[in-house]
Structure formats: structure tokens, C-alpha cells
Amino acid sequence: MAGVLLVDDEELIRAGLRAILDSEPDIEVVGEAGDGAEVAGLVARLRPDVVLMDVRMPKVDGIRATAHLLSTMEDPPKVIVVTTFENDDYVYDALRAGASGFLLKRARPEEIVTAVRTVVAGESLLFPAAIRRLAESHRPEEKGRDALAKASLTERESEVLRLMAAGLSNVEIAGKLFLGIQTVKTHVGNVLAKLGARDRTQAVIRAYESGFITPAC
């Protein structure tokens, strides 16, 4: 059973999400919060697998709450940020902080359920087109270039990172590069480790930040 914590300052939004998720046999809403300031305490007590985090809240927003949670907890839950607009800079910043992906508040019920199941399974909610649009307004950073240079990715790992950024799954990457699935998993793991990334989404964000991948790619 996957436990979910709902964090949104609008009670109506929380009620709608609870109704959707609690109707699934393998998902349970274990708690709710109306602001990011409440998140750390609730996560420590309830130990959810996933936090659905509103990106804009009046006191502590979803970016700060996500960054604090992922940087201070030894085994933090996955975070999916929830937003009204996919081109919101807040979303990009939340992904940089380590969120596993994002959902729009207008997402269909089945998309919300799939998102939770996806991150529980250890995957990321990677939307290549949306991340590319977000990256267009953020110039590559010098420290990002330095970090990628120091990572010393092999030629094969660089290929895998580009395909990850295009949204390909491990199975699709294996087919594209004519590799075994376990070999691809090893390459993906190496890329994440070398970039110090929690998951595929954060690795792709860092690839954009460094200029290794550009929005025009």
C-alpha cells in the first residue's frame, strides 16, 4: 500500500485528491497539510511514500518545503509538485530541488493515480517537452558546466543521458542502443551517481543547467 501525504492550502483541492486516491486499492492518503511549514513534521510521523506538494502556498511554498525535506531526511519520500501552470518557474525550481516530477491541477484522475504509482515504483515523471520549455528561460550556469565536466561521463553514459532527456524509458533506450536492459540500468545508475542526482528528472535538469543539452535539441 502506497501512503500519500497531500499538501495544498486549498481544502477543496485536497478533498478532490483524497477522493481520487483513496478509491484505489493500492493507495492510501495518510495525511493532509495546508502549508509547506507542516510537511517535515508530518512526514517524520506518518512516513508517506509520496508527497503531493502544491507549488504555491502562502507561508512556506512547495519549493522550500521540497528542498528542506529532501536535504534533511535520511530516507525522504518522493515528491510530486502540483501546479496550475506547467510553465511556472516554481515548477522548474522544485524539480531542481529534487522533486520527482509535477502534475497539473487539471490532470485527469487516472493521470494522478498513474503518477503516484510511477514514483512509488522508482521512476520519474519526466515530461520532455514541458521541461524543455521550462529550461528555455534558464541560461546554463557556470557551476553546472563545471559539475558536468567533473562528472566525466563516458561516451555511452552521455548517449544515455540524452535519451533520458528525450523521455525514453530503459526499455526504449535498450532498443535504441542495442543494449541489454540490465546494461542500460547500470548506465542510468552511473549517470545518476556521477551527477549526484536523485532520479532521472534531476539528472535531466542538471544536463540543461550545464548546457550539455539545450532546449533546441
N, C-alpha and C. Protein backbone atom coordinates (compact mmCIF):
# COMPACT_ATOMS: atom_id res chain seq x y z
N MET A 1 0.85 -1.20 0.00
CA MET A 1 0.00 0.00 0.00
C MET A 1 0.88 1.25 0.00
N ALA A 2 0.66 2.12 -0.96
CA ALA A 2 1.43 3.36 -1.06
C ALA A 2 0.76 4.46 -0.25
N GLY A 3 1.50 5.04 0.69
CA GLY A 3 0.95 6.12 1.51
C GLY A 3 1.25 7.47 0.89
N VAL A 4 0.23 8.35 0.86
CA VAL A 4 0.38 9.66 0.23
C VAL A 4 0.02 10.76 1.22
N LEU A 5 0.86 11.80 1.27
CA LEU A 5 0.56 12.99 2.05
C LEU A 5 0.17 14.10 1.08
N LEU A 6 -0.98 14.74 1.32
CA LEU A 6 -1.47 15.82 0.47
C LEU A 6 -1.12 17.16 1.10
N VAL A 7 -0.47 18.03 0.33
CA VAL A 7 -0.09 19.35 0.84
C VAL A 7 -0.61 20.42 -0.13
N ASP A 8 -1.63 21.14 0.31
CA ASP A 8 -2.23 22.19 -0.52
C ASP A 8 -3.00 23.13 0.39
N ASP A 9 -2.91 24.43 0.13
CA ASP A 9 -3.61 25.36 1.00
C ASP A 9 -5.10 25.46 0.70
N GLU A 10 -5.55 24.79 -0.38
CA GLU A 10 -6.97 24.78 -0.70
C GLU A 10 -7.59 23.46 -0.28
N GLU A 11 -8.50 23.54 0.68
CA GLU A 11 -9.14 22.33 1.22
C GLU A 11 -9.89 21.56 0.13
N LEU A 12 -10.50 22.29 -0.80
CA LEU A 12 -11.26 21.65 -1.87
C LEU A 12 -10.36 20.80 -2.75
N ILE A 13 -9.15 21.28 -3.03
CA ILE A 13 -8.20 20.52 -3.83
C ILE A 13 -7.79 19.25 -3.09
N ARG A 14 -7.52 19.38 -1.80
CA ARG A 14 -7.13 18.21 -1.01
C ARG A 14 -8.25 17.18 -0.98
N ALA A 15 -9.48 17.65 -0.85
CA ALA A 15 -10.63 16.74 -0.80
C ALA A 15 -10.76 15.98 -2.12
N GLY A 16 -10.56 16.68 -3.22
CA GLY A 16 -10.66 16.03 -4.53
C GLY A 16 -9.58 14.99 -4.73
N LEU A 17 -8.36 15.33 -4.34
CA LEU A 17 -7.26 14.38 -4.47
C LEU A 17 -7.47 13.16 -3.57
N ARG A 18 -7.95 13.40 -2.36
CA ARG A 18 -8.22 12.28 -1.43
C ARG A 18 -9.25 11.33 -2.01
N ALA A 19 -10.31 11.88 -2.58
CA ALA A 19 -11.37 11.05 -3.15
C ALA A 19 -10.83 10.18 -4.29
N ILE A 20 -9.98 10.77 -5.10
CA ILE A 20 -9.41 10.03 -6.23
C ILE A 20 -8.48 8.92 -5.74
N LEU A 21 -7.57 9.26 -4.85
CA LEU A 21 -6.54 8.31 -4.43
C LEU A 21 -7.07 7.23 -3.49
N ASP A 22 -7.94 7.60 -2.58
CA ASP A 22 -8.47 6.61 -1.64
C ASP A 22 -9.37 5.59 -2.30
N SER A 23 -9.80 5.85 -3.53
CA SER A 23 -10.64 4.88 -4.24
C SER A 23 -9.82 3.76 -4.87
N GLU A 24 -8.49 3.91 -4.83
CA GLU A 24 -7.61 2.89 -5.40
C GLU A 24 -7.21 1.87 -4.33
N PRO A 25 -7.17 0.59 -4.70
CA PRO A 25 -6.88 -0.46 -3.70
C PRO A 25 -5.46 -0.45 -3.17
N ASP A 26 -4.53 0.16 -3.92
CA ASP A 26 -3.12 0.11 -3.54
C ASP A 26 -2.57 1.46 -3.08
N ILE A 27 -3.47 2.44 -2.87
CA ILE A 27 -3.04 3.78 -2.46
C ILE A 27 -3.89 4.25 -1.28
N GLU A 28 -3.24 4.88 -0.31
CA GLU A 28 -3.96 5.41 0.86
C GLU A 28 -3.43 6.80 1.21
N VAL A 29 -4.35 7.75 1.35
CA VAL A 29 -3.95 9.08 1.82
C VAL A 29 -3.77 8.99 3.32
N VAL A 30 -2.55 9.22 3.79
CA VAL A 30 -2.25 9.04 5.21
C VAL A 30 -2.32 10.35 6.00
N GLY A 31 -2.40 11.48 5.28
CA GLY A 31 -2.47 12.75 5.98
C GLY A 31 -2.59 13.93 5.04
N GLU A 32 -2.87 15.10 5.61
CA GLU A 32 -3.02 16.33 4.83
C GLU A 32 -2.34 17.48 5.56
N ALA A 33 -1.91 18.46 4.77
CA ALA A 33 -1.33 19.68 5.34
C ALA A 33 -1.77 20.86 4.48
N GLY A 34 -1.93 22.01 5.12
CA GLY A 34 -2.37 23.20 4.41
C GLY A 34 -1.24 24.14 4.06
N ASP A 35 0.00 23.80 4.47
CA ASP A 35 1.13 24.67 4.16
C ASP A 35 2.42 23.86 4.23
N GLY A 36 3.44 24.34 3.51
CA GLY A 36 4.71 23.64 3.49
C GLY A 36 5.40 23.58 4.84
N ALA A 37 5.06 24.49 5.74
CA ALA A 37 5.68 24.51 7.06
C ALA A 37 5.34 23.25 7.87
N GLU A 38 4.25 22.60 7.52
CA GLU A 38 3.80 21.42 8.27
C GLU A 38 4.40 20.12 7.76
N VAL A 39 5.04 20.18 6.60
CA VAL A 39 5.41 18.95 5.90
C VAL A 39 6.41 18.09 6.66
N ALA A 40 7.52 18.67 7.10
CA ALA A 40 8.58 17.87 7.72
C ALA A 40 8.08 17.08 8.92
N GLY A 41 7.30 17.73 9.79
CA GLY A 41 6.78 17.04 10.97
C GLY A 41 5.85 15.91 10.61
N LEU A 42 4.98 16.15 9.64
CA LEU A 42 4.03 15.11 9.23
C LEU A 42 4.74 13.94 8.55
N VAL A 43 5.73 14.23 7.73
CA VAL A 43 6.48 13.16 7.07
C VAL A 43 7.20 12.30 8.09
N ALA A 44 7.81 12.93 9.08
CA ALA A 44 8.52 12.19 10.12
C ALA A 44 7.57 11.28 10.90
N ARG A 45 6.34 11.75 11.10
CA ARG A 45 5.37 10.97 11.89
C ARG A 45 4.63 9.93 11.07
N LEU A 46 4.25 10.28 9.84
CA LEU A 46 3.38 9.41 9.03
C LEU A 46 4.14 8.54 8.05
N ARG A 47 5.37 8.92 7.71
CA ARG A 47 6.23 8.18 6.78
C ARG A 47 5.52 7.83 5.46
N PRO A 48 5.01 8.83 4.75
CA PRO A 48 4.38 8.55 3.45
C PRO A 48 5.42 8.15 2.41
N ASP A 49 4.97 7.46 1.39
CA ASP A 49 5.85 7.11 0.27
C ASP A 49 5.96 8.27 -0.72
N VAL A 50 4.88 9.04 -0.82
CA VAL A 50 4.80 10.14 -1.79
C VAL A 50 4.17 11.36 -1.13
N VAL A 51 4.69 12.54 -1.47
CA VAL A 51 4.06 13.80 -1.06
C VAL A 51 3.59 14.51 -2.32
N LEU A 52 2.28 14.79 -2.39
CA LEU A 52 1.76 15.64 -3.46
C LEU A 52 1.80 17.06 -2.93
N MET A 53 2.69 17.87 -3.48
CA MET A 53 3.04 19.17 -2.90
C MET A 53 2.59 20.32 -3.80
N ASP A 54 1.68 21.13 -3.31
CA ASP A 54 1.30 22.34 -4.04
C ASP A 54 2.53 23.24 -4.14
N VAL A 55 2.76 23.80 -5.32
CA VAL A 55 3.98 24.59 -5.51
C VAL A 55 3.87 25.99 -4.92
N ARG A 56 2.65 26.54 -4.86
CA ARG A 56 2.46 27.90 -4.34
C ARG A 56 1.58 27.85 -3.08
N MET A 57 2.17 28.22 -1.96
CA MET A 57 1.42 28.29 -0.70
C MET A 57 1.83 29.55 0.04
N PRO A 58 0.97 30.09 0.91
CA PRO A 58 1.19 31.42 1.49
C PRO A 58 2.37 31.57 2.43
N LYS A 59 2.67 30.58 3.23
CA LYS A 59 3.75 30.70 4.22
C LYS A 59 5.04 30.09 3.69
N VAL A 60 5.07 28.77 3.62
CA VAL A 60 6.23 28.08 3.07
C VAL A 60 5.80 27.40 1.78
N ASP A 61 6.37 27.83 0.66
CA ASP A 61 5.94 27.29 -0.62
C ASP A 61 6.51 25.89 -0.86
N GLY A 62 6.06 25.28 -1.95
CA GLY A 62 6.45 23.92 -2.24
C GLY A 62 7.92 23.74 -2.55
N ILE A 63 8.56 24.77 -3.06
CA ILE A 63 10.00 24.68 -3.37
C ILE A 63 10.80 24.56 -2.09
N ARG A 64 10.56 25.48 -1.17
CA ARG A 64 11.30 25.47 0.09
C ARG A 64 11.00 24.19 0.88
N ALA A 65 9.74 23.79 0.88
CA ALA A 65 9.37 22.58 1.62
C ALA A 65 10.03 21.35 1.01
N THR A 66 10.07 21.28 -0.32
CA THR A 66 10.70 20.15 -1.00
C THR A 66 12.20 20.12 -0.73
N ALA A 67 12.85 21.26 -0.88
CA ALA A 67 14.30 21.33 -0.65
C ALA A 67 14.66 20.93 0.77
N HIS A 68 13.89 21.44 1.74
CA HIS A 68 14.16 21.11 3.14
C HIS A 68 13.96 19.62 3.40
N LEU A 69 12.88 19.09 2.88
CA LEU A 69 12.55 17.69 3.11
C LEU A 69 13.62 16.77 2.53
N LEU A 70 14.02 17.03 1.30
CA LEU A 70 14.94 16.13 0.61
C LEU A 70 16.39 16.30 1.07
N SER A 71 16.69 17.44 1.65
CA SER A 71 18.08 17.66 2.09
C SER A 71 18.31 17.29 3.55
N THR A 72 17.25 17.15 4.32
CA THR A 72 17.42 16.89 5.75
C THR A 72 17.02 15.49 6.19
N MET A 73 16.16 14.83 5.42
CA MET A 73 15.72 13.49 5.81
C MET A 73 16.63 12.42 5.22
N GLU A 74 16.92 11.42 6.01
CA GLU A 74 17.80 10.34 5.55
C GLU A 74 17.15 9.51 4.46
N ASP A 75 15.88 9.23 4.59
CA ASP A 75 15.16 8.43 3.59
C ASP A 75 13.84 9.14 3.26
N PRO A 76 13.92 10.24 2.51
CA PRO A 76 12.72 11.04 2.27
C PRO A 76 11.76 10.38 1.28
N PRO A 77 10.51 10.77 1.32
CA PRO A 77 9.55 10.26 0.33
C PRO A 77 9.78 10.92 -1.02
N LYS A 78 9.15 10.38 -2.04
CA LYS A 78 9.16 11.02 -3.34
C LYS A 78 8.24 12.24 -3.28
N VAL A 79 8.57 13.27 -4.02
CA VAL A 79 7.75 14.48 -4.06
C VAL A 79 7.27 14.73 -5.48
N ILE A 80 5.97 14.92 -5.62
CA ILE A 80 5.39 15.35 -6.89
C ILE A 80 4.79 16.72 -6.64
N VAL A 81 5.27 17.73 -7.36
CA VAL A 81 4.70 19.05 -7.16
C VAL A 81 3.46 19.21 -8.03
N VAL A 82 2.50 19.94 -7.49
CA VAL A 82 1.22 20.15 -8.18
C VAL A 82 1.08 21.64 -8.48
N THR A 83 0.77 21.95 -9.72
CA THR A 83 0.75 23.34 -10.14
C THR A 83 -0.40 23.62 -11.08
N THR A 84 -0.74 24.89 -11.21
CA THR A 84 -1.79 25.30 -12.14
C THR A 84 -1.26 25.46 -13.54
N PHE A 85 -0.02 25.98 -13.65
CA PHE A 85 0.57 26.26 -14.96
C PHE A 85 1.87 25.50 -15.13
N GLU A 86 2.01 24.76 -16.22
CA GLU A 86 3.21 23.94 -16.41
C GLU A 86 4.46 24.77 -16.72
N ASN A 87 4.28 26.02 -17.15
CA ASN A 87 5.46 26.85 -17.43
C ASN A 87 5.83 27.73 -16.25
N ASP A 88 5.37 27.38 -15.09
CA ASP A 88 5.65 28.13 -13.87
C ASP A 88 7.11 27.92 -13.46
N ASP A 89 7.84 29.02 -13.24
CA ASP A 89 9.22 28.91 -12.79
C ASP A 89 9.34 28.15 -11.48
N TYR A 90 8.29 28.22 -10.68
CA TYR A 90 8.29 27.49 -9.41
C TYR A 90 8.47 25.99 -9.66
N VAL A 91 7.89 25.50 -10.73
CA VAL A 91 7.99 24.07 -11.05
C VAL A 91 9.45 23.71 -11.34
N TYR A 92 10.09 24.51 -12.16
CA TYR A 92 11.49 24.25 -12.51
C TYR A 92 12.36 24.24 -11.26
N ASP A 93 12.12 25.20 -10.38
CA ASP A 93 12.91 25.27 -9.14
C ASP A 93 12.64 24.07 -8.24
N ALA A 94 11.40 23.60 -8.22
CA ALA A 94 11.07 22.42 -7.41
C ALA A 94 11.75 21.18 -7.98
N LEU A 95 11.81 21.07 -9.30
CA LEU A 95 12.49 19.94 -9.93
C LEU A 95 13.99 20.00 -9.64
N ARG A 96 14.55 21.21 -9.66
CA ARG A 96 15.96 21.38 -9.31
C ARG A 96 16.21 20.94 -7.87
N ALA A 97 15.23 21.18 -7.01
CA ALA A 97 15.38 20.83 -5.60
C ALA A 97 15.26 19.33 -5.36
N GLY A 98 14.80 18.59 -6.37
CA GLY A 98 14.74 17.14 -6.23
C GLY A 98 13.38 16.51 -6.35
N ALA A 99 12.35 17.28 -6.70
CA ALA A 99 11.03 16.69 -6.91
C ALA A 99 11.10 15.70 -8.06
N SER A 100 10.35 14.62 -7.97
CA SER A 100 10.41 13.57 -8.98
C SER A 100 9.59 13.89 -10.22
N GLY A 101 8.84 14.98 -10.18
CA GLY A 101 8.02 15.35 -11.33
C GLY A 101 6.93 16.31 -10.90
N PHE A 102 6.04 16.61 -11.83
CA PHE A 102 4.96 17.52 -11.49
C PHE A 102 3.65 17.09 -12.15
N LEU A 103 2.57 17.57 -11.58
CA LEU A 103 1.22 17.34 -12.10
C LEU A 103 0.51 18.67 -12.21
N LEU A 104 -0.33 18.80 -13.21
CA LEU A 104 -1.18 19.97 -13.30
C LEU A 104 -2.45 19.73 -12.50
N LYS A 105 -2.99 20.78 -11.90
CA LYS A 105 -4.20 20.64 -11.10
C LYS A 105 -5.39 20.19 -11.93
N ARG A 106 -5.31 20.39 -13.24
CA ARG A 106 -6.39 19.94 -14.11
C ARG A 106 -6.18 18.51 -14.62
N ALA A 107 -5.17 17.82 -14.10
CA ALA A 107 -4.89 16.46 -14.54
C ALA A 107 -6.09 15.55 -14.31
N ARG A 108 -6.27 14.60 -15.18
CA ARG A 108 -7.37 13.64 -15.05
C ARG A 108 -7.07 12.69 -13.90
N PRO A 109 -8.11 12.14 -13.26
CA PRO A 109 -7.91 11.22 -12.13
C PRO A 109 -6.94 10.09 -12.44
N GLU A 110 -7.06 9.51 -13.64
CA GLU A 110 -6.18 8.39 -13.97
C GLU A 110 -4.72 8.84 -14.09
N GLU A 111 -4.49 10.09 -14.48
CA GLU A 111 -3.13 10.61 -14.56
C GLU A 111 -2.53 10.79 -13.17
N ILE A 112 -3.35 11.22 -12.23
CA ILE A 112 -2.88 11.40 -10.86
C ILE A 112 -2.51 10.06 -10.24
N VAL A 113 -3.36 9.07 -10.44
CA VAL A 113 -3.11 7.73 -9.90
C VAL A 113 -1.84 7.14 -10.52
N THR A 114 -1.72 7.27 -11.84
CA THR A 114 -0.52 6.75 -12.53
C THR A 114 0.74 7.43 -12.04
N ALA A 115 0.65 8.73 -11.79
CA ALA A 115 1.82 9.48 -11.30
C ALA A 115 2.31 8.93 -9.97
N VAL A 116 1.39 8.69 -9.06
CA VAL A 116 1.76 8.15 -7.75
C VAL A 116 2.39 6.77 -7.90
N ARG A 117 1.77 5.93 -8.68
CA ARG A 117 2.31 4.57 -8.88
C ARG A 117 3.68 4.61 -9.55
N THR A 118 3.87 5.55 -10.46
CA THR A 118 5.14 5.65 -11.17
C THR A 118 6.28 5.99 -10.23
N VAL A 119 6.10 6.99 -9.38
CA VAL A 119 7.21 7.38 -8.49
C VAL A 119 7.41 6.35 -7.37
N VAL A 120 6.35 5.69 -6.95
CA VAL A 120 6.50 4.63 -5.95
C VAL A 120 7.35 3.49 -6.51
N ALA A 121 7.21 3.26 -7.81
CA ALA A 121 7.98 2.20 -8.47
C ALA A 121 9.43 2.61 -8.73
N GLY A 122 9.78 3.85 -8.36
CA GLY A 122 11.15 4.29 -8.52
C GLY A 122 11.44 5.02 -9.81
N GLU A 123 10.40 5.31 -10.58
CA GLU A 123 10.58 6.05 -11.83
C GLU A 123 10.32 7.54 -11.60
N SER A 124 10.57 8.34 -12.62
CA SER A 124 10.33 9.78 -12.55
C SER A 124 9.24 10.17 -13.53
N LEU A 125 8.53 11.24 -13.19
CA LEU A 125 7.52 11.78 -14.10
C LEU A 125 8.22 12.77 -15.02
N LEU A 126 8.79 12.24 -16.08
CA LEU A 126 9.60 13.07 -16.97
C LEU A 126 8.78 13.46 -18.19
N PHE A 127 8.48 14.76 -18.31
CA PHE A 127 7.74 15.27 -19.46
C PHE A 127 8.71 16.10 -20.28
N PRO A 128 9.35 15.49 -21.30
CA PRO A 128 10.43 16.17 -22.03
C PRO A 128 10.06 17.54 -22.59
N ALA A 129 8.90 17.64 -23.23
CA ALA A 129 8.52 18.91 -23.85
C ALA A 129 8.34 20.00 -22.80
N ALA A 130 7.69 19.65 -21.69
CA ALA A 130 7.45 20.64 -20.64
C ALA A 130 8.76 21.09 -20.00
N ILE A 131 9.65 20.15 -19.71
CA ILE A 131 10.94 20.51 -19.11
C ILE A 131 11.77 21.34 -20.08
N ARG A 132 11.69 21.00 -21.37
CA ARG A 132 12.42 21.80 -22.36
C ARG A 132 11.92 23.24 -22.37
N ARG A 133 10.59 23.42 -22.30
CA ARG A 133 10.04 24.78 -22.28
C ARG A 133 10.48 25.53 -21.03
N LEU A 134 10.49 24.84 -19.90
CA LEU A 134 10.93 25.47 -18.65
C LEU A 134 12.41 25.86 -18.74
N ALA A 135 13.20 25.00 -19.36
CA ALA A 135 14.64 25.24 -19.45
C ALA A 135 14.97 26.42 -20.37
N GLU A 136 14.07 26.73 -21.30
CA GLU A 136 14.32 27.81 -22.25
C GLU A 136 14.56 29.15 -21.57
N SER A 137 13.93 29.35 -20.42
CA SER A 137 14.07 30.63 -19.72
C SER A 137 15.18 30.62 -18.69
N HIS A 138 15.97 29.55 -18.65
CA HIS A 138 17.07 29.46 -17.69
C HIS A 138 18.38 29.22 -18.44
N ARG A 139 19.27 30.18 -18.40
CA ARG A 139 20.56 30.05 -19.08
C ARG A 139 21.43 29.06 -18.34
N PRO A 140 22.27 28.30 -19.08
CA PRO A 140 23.21 27.39 -18.42
C PRO A 140 24.08 28.12 -17.41
N GLU A 141 24.38 27.46 -16.30
CA GLU A 141 25.18 28.08 -15.25
C GLU A 141 26.61 27.56 -15.28
N GLU A 142 27.56 28.41 -14.94
CA GLU A 142 28.97 28.01 -14.95
C GLU A 142 29.21 26.84 -14.01
N LYS A 143 28.58 26.91 -12.84
CA LYS A 143 28.77 25.80 -11.89
C LYS A 143 28.18 24.51 -12.43
N GLY A 144 27.14 24.65 -13.26
CA GLY A 144 26.55 23.47 -13.89
C GLY A 144 27.51 22.85 -14.89
N ARG A 145 28.19 23.71 -15.66
CA ARG A 145 29.18 23.21 -16.61
C ARG A 145 30.31 22.50 -15.88
N ASP A 146 30.77 23.13 -14.79
CA ASP A 146 31.86 22.54 -14.01
C ASP A 146 31.45 21.18 -13.45
N ALA A 147 30.23 21.10 -12.94
CA ALA A 147 29.76 19.86 -12.32
C ALA A 147 29.71 18.74 -13.35
N LEU A 148 29.22 19.05 -14.55
CA LEU A 148 29.13 18.01 -15.57
C LEU A 148 30.52 17.61 -16.06
N ALA A 149 31.43 18.58 -16.17
CA ALA A 149 32.80 18.27 -16.59
C ALA A 149 33.47 17.34 -15.58
N LYS A 150 33.26 17.64 -14.30
CA LYS A 150 33.85 16.81 -13.26
C LYS A 150 33.23 15.43 -13.19
N ALA A 151 32.01 15.32 -13.68
CA ALA A 151 31.32 14.02 -13.63
C ALA A 151 31.99 13.01 -14.55
N SER A 152 32.65 13.50 -15.58
CA SER A 152 33.39 12.63 -16.52
C SER A 152 32.54 11.48 -17.03
N LEU A 153 31.41 11.82 -17.62
CA LEU A 153 30.56 10.78 -18.21
C LEU A 153 31.28 10.14 -19.39
N THR A 154 31.13 8.84 -19.53
CA THR A 154 31.66 8.16 -20.70
C THR A 154 30.80 8.50 -21.91
N GLU A 155 31.28 8.16 -23.09
CA GLU A 155 30.50 8.43 -24.31
C GLU A 155 29.14 7.73 -24.25
N ARG A 156 29.13 6.51 -23.76
CA ARG A 156 27.87 5.76 -23.67
C ARG A 156 26.94 6.39 -22.64
N GLU A 157 27.48 6.79 -21.51
CA GLU A 157 26.65 7.44 -20.49
C GLU A 157 26.07 8.76 -21.00
N SER A 158 26.83 9.47 -21.81
CA SER A 158 26.33 10.71 -22.41
C SER A 158 25.18 10.42 -23.35
N GLU A 159 25.31 9.35 -24.13
CA GLU A 159 24.21 8.95 -25.02
C GLU A 159 22.96 8.63 -24.22
N VAL A 160 23.15 7.90 -23.14
CA VAL A 160 22.01 7.50 -22.31
C VAL A 160 21.35 8.73 -21.70
N LEU A 161 22.14 9.70 -21.25
CA LEU A 161 21.58 10.92 -20.66
C LEU A 161 20.75 11.68 -21.69
N ARG A 162 21.22 11.77 -22.92
CA ARG A 162 20.46 12.45 -23.96
C ARG A 162 19.12 11.76 -24.22
N LEU A 163 19.14 10.44 -24.21
CA LEU A 163 17.91 9.69 -24.45
C LEU A 163 16.97 9.79 -23.24
N MET A 164 17.53 9.87 -22.05
CA MET A 164 16.71 10.10 -20.86
C MET A 164 16.00 11.44 -20.99
N ALA A 165 16.72 12.45 -21.46
CA ALA A 165 16.14 13.78 -21.62
C ALA A 165 15.04 13.79 -22.66
N ALA A 166 15.12 12.87 -23.62
CA ALA A 166 14.09 12.76 -24.65
C ALA A 166 12.87 12.01 -24.14
N GLY A 167 12.95 11.51 -22.90
CA GLY A 167 11.81 10.83 -22.30
C GLY A 167 11.76 9.34 -22.52
N LEU A 168 12.83 8.75 -23.04
CA LEU A 168 12.81 7.31 -23.30
C LEU A 168 12.96 6.52 -22.01
N SER A 169 12.23 5.42 -21.94
CA SER A 169 12.33 4.51 -20.80
C SER A 169 13.57 3.65 -20.96
N ASN A 170 13.91 2.87 -19.93
CA ASN A 170 15.05 1.98 -20.02
C ASN A 170 14.90 0.99 -21.16
N VAL A 171 13.70 0.47 -21.33
CA VAL A 171 13.43 -0.50 -22.41
C VAL A 171 13.64 0.17 -23.77
N GLU A 172 13.15 1.40 -23.92
CA GLU A 172 13.30 2.12 -25.18
C GLU A 172 14.76 2.47 -25.46
N ILE A 173 15.49 2.84 -24.41
CA ILE A 173 16.91 3.14 -24.57
C ILE A 173 17.66 1.88 -25.00
N ALA A 174 17.31 0.75 -24.38
CA ALA A 174 17.95 -0.52 -24.73
C ALA A 174 17.74 -0.84 -26.21
N GLY A 175 16.52 -0.62 -26.71
CA GLY A 175 16.24 -0.88 -28.11
C GLY A 175 16.97 0.08 -29.03
N LYS A 176 17.07 1.33 -28.63
CA LYS A 176 17.72 2.35 -29.45
C LYS A 176 19.22 2.10 -29.56
N LEU A 177 19.83 1.67 -28.48
CA LEU A 177 21.29 1.49 -28.45
C LEU A 177 21.71 0.04 -28.63
N PHE A 178 20.73 -0.85 -28.82
CA PHE A 178 21.01 -2.28 -28.98
C PHE A 178 21.78 -2.84 -27.79
N LEU A 179 21.27 -2.53 -26.61
CA LEU A 179 21.88 -3.00 -25.37
C LEU A 179 20.88 -3.82 -24.58
N GLY A 180 21.37 -4.61 -23.63
CA GLY A 180 20.50 -5.33 -22.73
C GLY A 180 19.90 -4.37 -21.71
N ILE A 181 18.73 -4.70 -21.20
CA ILE A 181 18.06 -3.81 -20.25
C ILE A 181 18.87 -3.63 -18.99
N GLN A 182 19.54 -4.67 -18.52
CA GLN A 182 20.35 -4.55 -17.30
C GLN A 182 21.54 -3.63 -17.53
N THR A 183 22.10 -3.67 -18.73
CA THR A 183 23.20 -2.79 -19.07
C THR A 183 22.75 -1.34 -19.04
N VAL A 184 21.55 -1.08 -19.58
CA VAL A 184 21.01 0.28 -19.57
C VAL A 184 20.79 0.73 -18.13
N LYS A 185 20.24 -0.13 -17.30
CA LYS A 185 20.01 0.23 -15.90
C LYS A 185 21.32 0.60 -15.22
N THR A 186 22.38 -0.13 -15.56
CA THR A 186 23.70 0.17 -14.99
C THR A 186 24.18 1.54 -15.45
N HIS A 187 24.01 1.83 -16.73
CA HIS A 187 24.42 3.14 -17.26
C HIS A 187 23.62 4.27 -16.61
N VAL A 188 22.31 4.07 -16.47
CA VAL A 188 21.46 5.09 -15.85
C VAL A 188 21.91 5.31 -14.40
N GLY A 189 22.16 4.23 -13.68
CA GLY A 189 22.63 4.34 -12.31
C GLY A 189 23.95 5.09 -12.21
N ASN A 190 24.85 4.82 -13.16
CA ASN A 190 26.14 5.52 -13.18
C ASN A 190 25.96 7.01 -13.43
N VAL A 191 25.05 7.35 -14.37
CA VAL A 191 24.78 8.76 -14.67
C VAL A 191 24.26 9.48 -13.44
N LEU A 192 23.30 8.86 -12.76
CA LEU A 192 22.73 9.49 -11.56
C LEU A 192 23.80 9.67 -10.49
N ALA A 193 24.61 8.66 -10.30
CA ALA A 193 25.65 8.73 -9.26
C ALA A 193 26.67 9.81 -9.59
N LYS A 194 27.11 9.86 -10.83
CA LYS A 194 28.13 10.84 -11.21
C LYS A 194 27.62 12.28 -11.15
N LEU A 195 26.32 12.46 -11.44
CA LEU A 195 25.75 13.81 -11.39
C LEU A 195 25.22 14.16 -10.01
N GLY A 196 25.23 13.19 -9.09
CA GLY A 196 24.69 13.43 -7.76
C GLY A 196 23.20 13.70 -7.81
N ALA A 197 22.51 13.02 -8.73
CA ALA A 197 21.08 13.24 -8.93
C ALA A 197 20.26 12.15 -8.24
N ARG A 198 19.13 12.57 -7.68
CA ARG A 198 18.25 11.61 -7.00
C ARG A 198 17.55 10.70 -7.99
N ASP A 199 17.22 11.23 -9.16
CA ASP A 199 16.47 10.44 -10.13
C ASP A 199 16.68 11.01 -11.53
N ARG A 200 15.97 10.47 -12.51
CA ARG A 200 16.16 10.86 -13.90
C ARG A 200 15.80 12.33 -14.13
N THR A 201 14.74 12.79 -13.48
CA THR A 201 14.32 14.18 -13.67
C THR A 201 15.42 15.14 -13.26
N GLN A 202 16.00 14.91 -12.08
CA GLN A 202 17.05 15.80 -11.60
C GLN A 202 18.29 15.71 -12.50
N ALA A 203 18.58 14.53 -13.02
CA ALA A 203 19.72 14.38 -13.93
C ALA A 203 19.50 15.20 -15.20
N VAL A 204 18.29 15.17 -15.73
CA VAL A 204 17.99 15.92 -16.95
C VAL A 204 18.05 17.42 -16.68
N ILE A 205 17.54 17.86 -15.53
CA ILE A 205 17.62 19.27 -15.17
C ILE A 205 19.09 19.71 -15.14
N ARG A 206 19.95 18.90 -14.56
CA ARG A 206 21.36 19.25 -14.47
C ARG A 206 22.03 19.25 -15.85
N ALA A 207 21.54 18.40 -16.74
CA ALA A 207 22.07 18.40 -18.10
C ALA A 207 21.72 19.71 -18.81
N TYR A 208 20.52 20.22 -18.58
CA TYR A 208 20.13 21.51 -19.14
C TYR A 208 20.93 22.64 -18.49
N GLU A 209 21.08 22.59 -17.18
CA GLU A 209 21.80 23.65 -16.46
C GLU A 209 23.24 23.79 -16.93
N SER A 210 23.82 22.69 -17.33
CA SER A 210 25.23 22.69 -17.75
C SER A 210 25.41 23.11 -19.20
N GLY A 211 24.28 23.08 -19.96
CA GLY A 211 24.40 23.36 -21.38
C GLY A 211 24.71 22.11 -22.19
N PHE A 212 24.85 20.96 -21.50
CA PHE A 212 25.10 19.68 -22.19
C PHE A 212 23.94 19.38 -23.14
N ILE A 213 22.73 19.69 -22.69
CA ILE A 213 21.53 19.59 -23.51
C ILE A 213 20.94 20.98 -23.57
N THR A 214 20.52 21.42 -24.74
CA THR A 214 19.90 22.72 -24.89
C THR A 214 18.45 22.55 -25.28
N PRO A 215 17.59 23.54 -24.97
CA PRO A 215 16.19 23.44 -25.33
C PRO A 215 15.95 23.22 -26.82
N ALA A 216 16.93 23.59 -27.65
CA ALA A 216 16.77 23.43 -29.09
C ALA A 216 17.05 22.01 -29.55
N CYS A 217 17.60 21.19 -28.65
CA CYS A 217 17.97 19.82 -29.03
C CYS A 217 16.74 18.99 -29.36
